[in-house]
Amino acid sequence: MQTAPRLSSLQDRHAALEMRLEAETVRPQPDSLELSRLKREKLKLKEEMERLRAAPAGSA
């Protein structure tokens, strides 16, 4: 799998999660379990993006 398209996809998903987190946060009674789940998923995506950026070209 090529790194650039994968990284772009992860960035899009990360941005979408950020929007969902913001939407949940501004609700009158945010769901703390949903916030935690979204934050964990966002962190996993961030770690994957960092791993791809750190990998030498062609090895990802």
PDB file of N, CA and C in Angstrom:
ATOM      1  N   MET A   1       0.841  -1.179   0.000  1.00  0.00           N
ATOM      2  CA  MET A   1       0.000   0.000   0.000  1.00  0.00           C
ATOM      3  C   MET A   1       0.884   1.239   0.000  1.00  0.00           C
ATOM      4  N   GLN A   2       0.524   2.199  -0.828  1.00  0.00           N
ATOM      5  CA  GLN A   2       1.288   3.435  -0.885  1.00  0.00           C
ATOM      6  C   GLN A   2       1.004   4.274   0.354  1.00  0.00           C
ATOM      7  N   THR A   3       2.024   4.961   0.821  1.00  0.00           N
ATOM      8  CA  THR A   3       1.919   5.724   2.053  1.00  0.00           C
ATOM      9  C   THR A   3       1.050   6.970   1.902  1.00  0.00           C
ATOM     10  N   ALA A   4       1.224   7.725   0.839  1.00  0.00           N
ATOM     11  CA  ALA A   4       0.515   8.998   0.679  1.00  0.00           C
ATOM     12  C   ALA A   4      -1.011   8.836   0.685  1.00  0.00           C
ATOM     13  N   PRO A   5      -1.576   7.919  -0.092  1.00  0.00           N
ATOM     14  CA  PRO A   5      -3.034   7.764  -0.058  1.00  0.00           C
ATOM     15  C   PRO A   5      -3.535   7.295   1.316  1.00  0.00           C
ATOM     16  N   ARG A   6      -2.786   6.403   1.940  1.00  0.00           N
ATOM     17  CA  ARG A   6      -3.168   5.908   3.267  1.00  0.00           C
ATOM     18  C   ARG A   6      -3.129   7.045   4.277  1.00  0.00           C
ATOM     19  N   LEU A   7      -2.089   7.852   4.223  1.00  0.00           N
ATOM     20  CA  LEU A   7      -1.950   8.978   5.133  1.00  0.00           C
ATOM     21  C   LEU A   7      -3.082   9.984   4.920  1.00  0.00           C
ATOM     22  N   SER A   8      -3.413  10.235   3.685  1.00  0.00           N
ATOM     23  CA  SER A   8      -4.510  11.151   3.369  1.00  0.00           C
ATOM     24  C   SER A   8      -5.833  10.632   3.927  1.00  0.00           C
ATOM     25  N   SER A   9      -6.066   9.357   3.779  1.00  0.00           N
ATOM     26  CA  SER A   9      -7.283   8.741   4.310  1.00  0.00           C
ATOM     27  C   SER A   9      -7.340   8.858   5.834  1.00  0.00           C
ATOM     28  N   LEU A  10      -6.210   8.596   6.478  1.00  0.00           N
ATOM     29  CA  LEU A  10      -6.159   8.706   7.937  1.00  0.00           C
ATOM     30  C   LEU A  10      -6.392  10.140   8.390  1.00  0.00           C
ATOM     31  N   GLN A  11      -5.835  11.095   7.660  1.00  0.00           N
ATOM     32  CA  GLN A  11      -6.036  12.496   8.007  1.00  0.00           C
ATOM     33  C   GLN A  11      -7.502  12.892   7.878  1.00  0.00           C
ATOM     34  N   ASP A  12      -8.165  12.404   6.835  1.00  0.00           N
ATOM     35  CA  ASP A  12      -9.591  12.684   6.652  1.00  0.00           C
ATOM     36  C   ASP A  12     -10.413  12.102   7.800  1.00  0.00           C
ATOM     37  N   ARG A  13     -10.111  10.860   8.166  1.00  0.00           N
ATOM     38  CA  ARG A  13     -10.834  10.224   9.278  1.00  0.00           C
ATOM     39  C   ARG A  13     -10.565  10.940  10.592  1.00  0.00           C
ATOM     40  N   HIS A  14      -9.326  11.382  10.788  1.00  0.00           N
ATOM     41  CA  HIS A  14      -8.945  12.099  12.001  1.00  0.00           C
ATOM     42  C   HIS A  14      -9.733  13.410  12.089  1.00  0.00           C
ATOM     43  N   ALA A  15      -9.842  14.135  10.977  1.00  0.00           N
ATOM     44  CA  ALA A  15     -10.589  15.395  10.948  1.00  0.00           C
ATOM     45  C   ALA A  15     -12.080  15.151  11.217  1.00  0.00           C
ATOM     46  N   ALA A  16     -12.612  14.085  10.660  1.00  0.00           N
ATOM     47  CA  ALA A  16     -14.023  13.760  10.884  1.00  0.00           C
ATOM     48  C   ALA A  16     -14.279  13.445  12.360  1.00  0.00           C
ATOM     49  N   LEU A  17     -13.347  12.727  12.983  1.00  0.00           N
ATOM     50  CA  LEU A  17     -13.481  12.428  14.410  1.00  0.00           C
ATOM     51  C   LEU A  17     -13.408  13.704  15.233  1.00  0.00           C
ATOM     52  N   GLU A  18     -12.556  14.631  14.839  1.00  0.00           N
ATOM     53  CA  GLU A  18     -12.447  15.909  15.539  1.00  0.00           C
ATOM     54  C   GLU A  18     -13.783  16.654  15.497  1.00  0.00           C
ATOM     55  N   MET A  19     -14.433  16.634  14.334  1.00  0.00           N
ATOM     56  CA  MET A  19     -15.738  17.294  14.214  1.00  0.00           C
ATOM     57  C   MET A  19     -16.787  16.601  15.078  1.00  0.00           C
ATOM     58  N   ARG A  20     -16.761  15.265  15.109  1.00  0.00           N
ATOM     59  CA  ARG A  20     -17.713  14.523  15.948  1.00  0.00           C
ATOM     60  C   ARG A  20     -17.465  14.793  17.423  1.00  0.00           C
ATOM     61  N   LEU A  21     -16.186  14.884  17.810  1.00  0.00           N
ATOM     62  CA  LEU A  21     -15.853  15.208  19.200  1.00  0.00           C
ATOM     63  C   LEU A  21     -16.389  16.586  19.574  1.00  0.00           C
ATOM     64  N   GLU A  22     -16.176  17.546  18.700  1.00  0.00           N
ATOM     65  CA  GLU A  22     -16.652  18.908  18.958  1.00  0.00           C
ATOM     66  C   GLU A  22     -18.176  18.930  19.080  1.00  0.00           C
ATOM     67  N   ALA A  23     -18.852  18.227  18.172  1.00  0.00           N
ATOM     68  CA  ALA A  23     -20.312  18.189  18.205  1.00  0.00           C
ATOM     69  C   ALA A  23     -20.815  17.559  19.506  1.00  0.00           C
ATOM     70  N   GLU A  24     -20.161  16.505  19.946  1.00  0.00           N
ATOM     71  CA  GLU A  24     -20.570  15.844  21.186  1.00  0.00           C
ATOM     72  C   GLU A  24     -20.287  16.730  22.393  1.00  0.00           C
ATOM     73  N   THR A  25     -19.187  17.443  22.363  1.00  0.00           N
ATOM     74  CA  THR A  25     -18.795  18.295  23.490  1.00  0.00           C
ATOM     75  C   THR A  25     -19.774  19.429  23.719  1.00  0.00           C
ATOM     76  N   VAL A  26     -20.325  19.985  22.653  1.00  0.00           N
ATOM     77  CA  VAL A  26     -21.216  21.144  22.806  1.00  0.00           C
ATOM     78  C   VAL A  26     -22.663  20.762  23.106  1.00  0.00           C
ATOM     79  N   ARG A  27     -22.952  19.486  23.114  1.00  0.00           N
ATOM     80  CA  ARG A  27     -24.314  19.059  23.476  1.00  0.00           C
ATOM     81  C   ARG A  27     -24.601  19.440  24.920  1.00  0.00           C
ATOM     82  N   PRO A  28     -25.865  19.656  25.259  1.00  0.00           N
ATOM     83  CA  PRO A  28     -26.215  20.000  26.647  1.00  0.00           C
ATOM     84  C   PRO A  28     -25.731  18.960  27.665  1.00  0.00           C
ATOM     85  N   GLN A  29     -25.812  17.684  27.306  1.00  0.00           N
ATOM     86  CA  GLN A  29     -25.320  16.626  28.186  1.00  0.00           C
ATOM     87  C   GLN A  29     -24.478  15.665  27.350  1.00  0.00           C
ATOM     88  N   PRO A  30     -23.191  15.996  27.189  1.00  0.00           N
ATOM     89  CA  PRO A  30     -22.330  15.122  26.375  1.00  0.00           C
ATOM     90  C   PRO A  30     -22.247  13.714  26.962  1.00  0.00           C
ATOM     91  N   ASP A  31     -22.176  12.754  26.086  1.00  0.00           N
ATOM     92  CA  ASP A  31     -22.044  11.348  26.477  1.00  0.00           C
ATOM     93  C   ASP A  31     -20.565  11.067  26.742  1.00  0.00           C
ATOM     94  N   SER A  32     -20.216  10.906  27.993  1.00  0.00           N
ATOM     95  CA  SER A  32     -18.801  10.734  28.352  1.00  0.00           C
ATOM     96  C   SER A  32     -18.215   9.446  27.771  1.00  0.00           C
ATOM     97  N   LEU A  33     -19.017   8.406  27.655  1.00  0.00           N
ATOM     98  CA  LEU A  33     -18.519   7.165  27.055  1.00  0.00           C
ATOM     99  C   LEU A  33     -18.222   7.349  25.568  1.00  0.00           C
ATOM    100  N   GLU A  34     -19.101   8.060  24.888  1.00  0.00           N
ATOM    101  CA  GLU A  34     -18.885   8.327  23.464  1.00  0.00           C
ATOM    102  C   GLU A  34     -17.665   9.231  23.279  1.00  0.00           C
ATOM    103  N   LEU A  35     -17.511  10.231  24.137  1.00  0.00           N
ATOM    104  CA  LEU A  35     -16.334  11.097  24.060  1.00  0.00           C
ATOM    105  C   LEU A  35     -15.054  10.284  24.235  1.00  0.00           C
ATOM    106  N   SER A  36     -15.048   9.398  25.198  1.00  0.00           N
ATOM    107  CA  SER A  36     -13.870   8.560  25.442  1.00  0.00           C
ATOM    108  C   SER A  36     -13.575   7.670  24.246  1.00  0.00           C
ATOM    109  N   ARG A  37     -14.609   7.074  23.678  1.00  0.00           N
ATOM    110  CA  ARG A  37     -14.438   6.199  22.520  1.00  0.00           C
ATOM    111  C   ARG A  37     -13.879   6.985  21.334  1.00  0.00           C
ATOM    112  N   LEU A  38     -14.432   8.164  21.088  1.00  0.00           N
ATOM    113  CA  LEU A  38     -13.962   8.992  19.979  1.00  0.00           C
ATOM    114  C   LEU A  38     -12.510   9.428  20.187  1.00  0.00           C
ATOM    115  N   LYS A  39     -12.168   9.785  21.403  1.00  0.00           N
ATOM    116  CA  LYS A  39     -10.799  10.205  21.700  1.00  0.00           C
ATOM    117  C   LYS A  39      -9.810   9.059  21.509  1.00  0.00           C
ATOM    118  N   ARG A  40     -10.193   7.864  21.940  1.00  0.00           N
ATOM    119  CA  ARG A  40      -9.311   6.701  21.752  1.00  0.00           C
ATOM    120  C   ARG A  40      -9.101   6.409  20.266  1.00  0.00           C
ATOM    121  N   GLU A  41     -10.193   6.466  19.502  1.00  0.00           N
ATOM    122  CA  GLU A  41     -10.100   6.206  18.071  1.00  0.00           C
ATOM    123  C   GLU A  41      -9.237   7.268  17.386  1.00  0.00           C
ATOM    124  N   LYS A  42      -9.419   8.519  17.778  1.00  0.00           N
ATOM    125  CA  LYS A  42      -8.629   9.606  17.208  1.00  0.00           C
ATOM    126  C   LYS A  42      -7.142   9.421  17.526  1.00  0.00           C
ATOM    127  N   LEU A  43      -6.837   9.012  18.744  1.00  0.00           N
ATOM    128  CA  LEU A  43      -5.447   8.777  19.136  1.00  0.00           C
ATOM    129  C   LEU A  43      -4.832   7.641  18.321  1.00  0.00           C
ATOM    130  N   LYS A  44      -5.601   6.576  18.090  1.00  0.00           N
ATOM    131  CA  LYS A  44      -5.099   5.464  17.288  1.00  0.00           C
ATOM    132  C   LYS A  44      -4.761   5.926  15.872  1.00  0.00           C
ATOM    133  N   LEU A  45      -5.623   6.771  15.308  1.00  0.00           N
ATOM    134  CA  LEU A  45      -5.356   7.294  13.972  1.00  0.00           C
ATOM    135  C   LEU A  45      -4.103   8.171  13.971  1.00  0.00           C
ATOM    136  N   LYS A  46      -3.968   9.005  14.989  1.00  0.00           N
ATOM    137  CA  LYS A  46      -2.793   9.877  15.089  1.00  0.00           C
ATOM    138  C   LYS A  46      -1.512   9.045  15.174  1.00  0.00           C
ATOM    139  N   GLU A  47      -1.537   8.006  15.983  1.00  0.00           N
ATOM    140  CA  GLU A  47      -0.365   7.143  16.110  1.00  0.00           C
ATOM    141  C   GLU A  47      -0.034   6.457  14.789  1.00  0.00           C
ATOM    142  N   GLU A  48      -1.051   6.017  14.069  1.00  0.00           N
ATOM    143  CA  GLU A  48      -0.835   5.389  12.769  1.00  0.00           C
ATOM    144  C   GLU A  48      -0.234   6.397  11.782  1.00  0.00           C
ATOM    145  N   MET A  49      -0.738   7.634  11.791  1.00  0.00           N
ATOM    146  CA  MET A  49      -0.187   8.660  10.906  1.00  0.00           C
ATOM    147  C   MET A  49       1.280   8.924  11.238  1.00  0.00           C
ATOM    148  N   GLU A  50       1.601   9.012  12.510  1.00  0.00           N
ATOM    149  CA  GLU A  50       2.987   9.243  12.916  1.00  0.00           C
ATOM    150  C   GLU A  50       3.883   8.083  12.500  1.00  0.00           C
ATOM    151  N   ARG A  51       3.363   6.859  12.619  1.00  0.00           N
ATOM    152  CA  ARG A  51       4.131   5.689  12.214  1.00  0.00           C
ATOM    153  C   ARG A  51       4.415   5.730  10.707  1.00  0.00           C
ATOM    154  N   LEU A  52       3.416   6.101   9.922  1.00  0.00           N
ATOM    155  CA  LEU A  52       3.601   6.180   8.468  1.00  0.00           C
ATOM    156  C   LEU A  52       4.592   7.275   8.098  1.00  0.00           C
ATOM    157  N   ARG A  53       4.503   8.409   8.780  1.00  0.00           N
ATOM    158  CA  ARG A  53       5.425   9.514   8.489  1.00  0.00           C
ATOM    159  C   ARG A  53       6.868   9.146   8.833  1.00  0.00           C
ATOM    160  N   ALA A  54       7.042   8.335   9.867  1.00  0.00           N
ATOM    161  CA  ALA A  54       8.381   7.960  10.319  1.00  0.00           C
ATOM    162  C   ALA A  54       8.978   6.825   9.494  1.00  0.00           C
ATOM    163  N   ALA A  55       8.126   6.068   8.808  1.00  0.00           N
ATOM    164  CA  ALA A  55       8.605   4.916   8.034  1.00  0.00           C
ATOM    165  C   ALA A  55       9.350   5.391   6.796  1.00  0.00           C
ATOM    166  N   PRO A  56      10.458   4.735   6.481  1.00  0.00           N
ATOM    167  CA  PRO A  56      11.171   5.062   5.237  1.00  0.00           C
ATOM    168  C   PRO A  56      10.271   4.800   4.035  1.00  0.00           C
ATOM    169  N   ALA A  57      10.414   5.580   3.002  1.00  0.00           N
ATOM    170  CA  ALA A  57       9.594   5.423   1.778  1.00  0.00           C
ATOM    171  C   ALA A  57       9.745   4.008   1.238  1.00  0.00           C
ATOM    172  N   GLY A  58       8.627   3.406   0.908  1.00  0.00           N
ATOM    173  CA  GLY A  58       8.650   2.066   0.334  1.00  0.00           C
ATOM    174  C   GLY A  58       8.561   0.941   1.340  1.00  0.00           C
ATOM    175  N   SER A  59       8.678   1.244   2.627  1.00  0.00           N
ATOM    176  CA  SER A  59       8.610   0.164   3.625  1.00  0.00           C
ATOM    177  C   SER A  59       7.260   0.100   4.307  1.00  0.00           C
ATOM    178  N   ALA A  60       6.387   1.060   4.068  1.00  0.00           N
ATOM    179  CA  ALA A  60       5.076   1.071   4.730  1.00  0.00           C
ATOM    180  C   ALA A  60       4.081   0.220   3.997  1.00  0.00           C
TER     181      ALA A  60
END
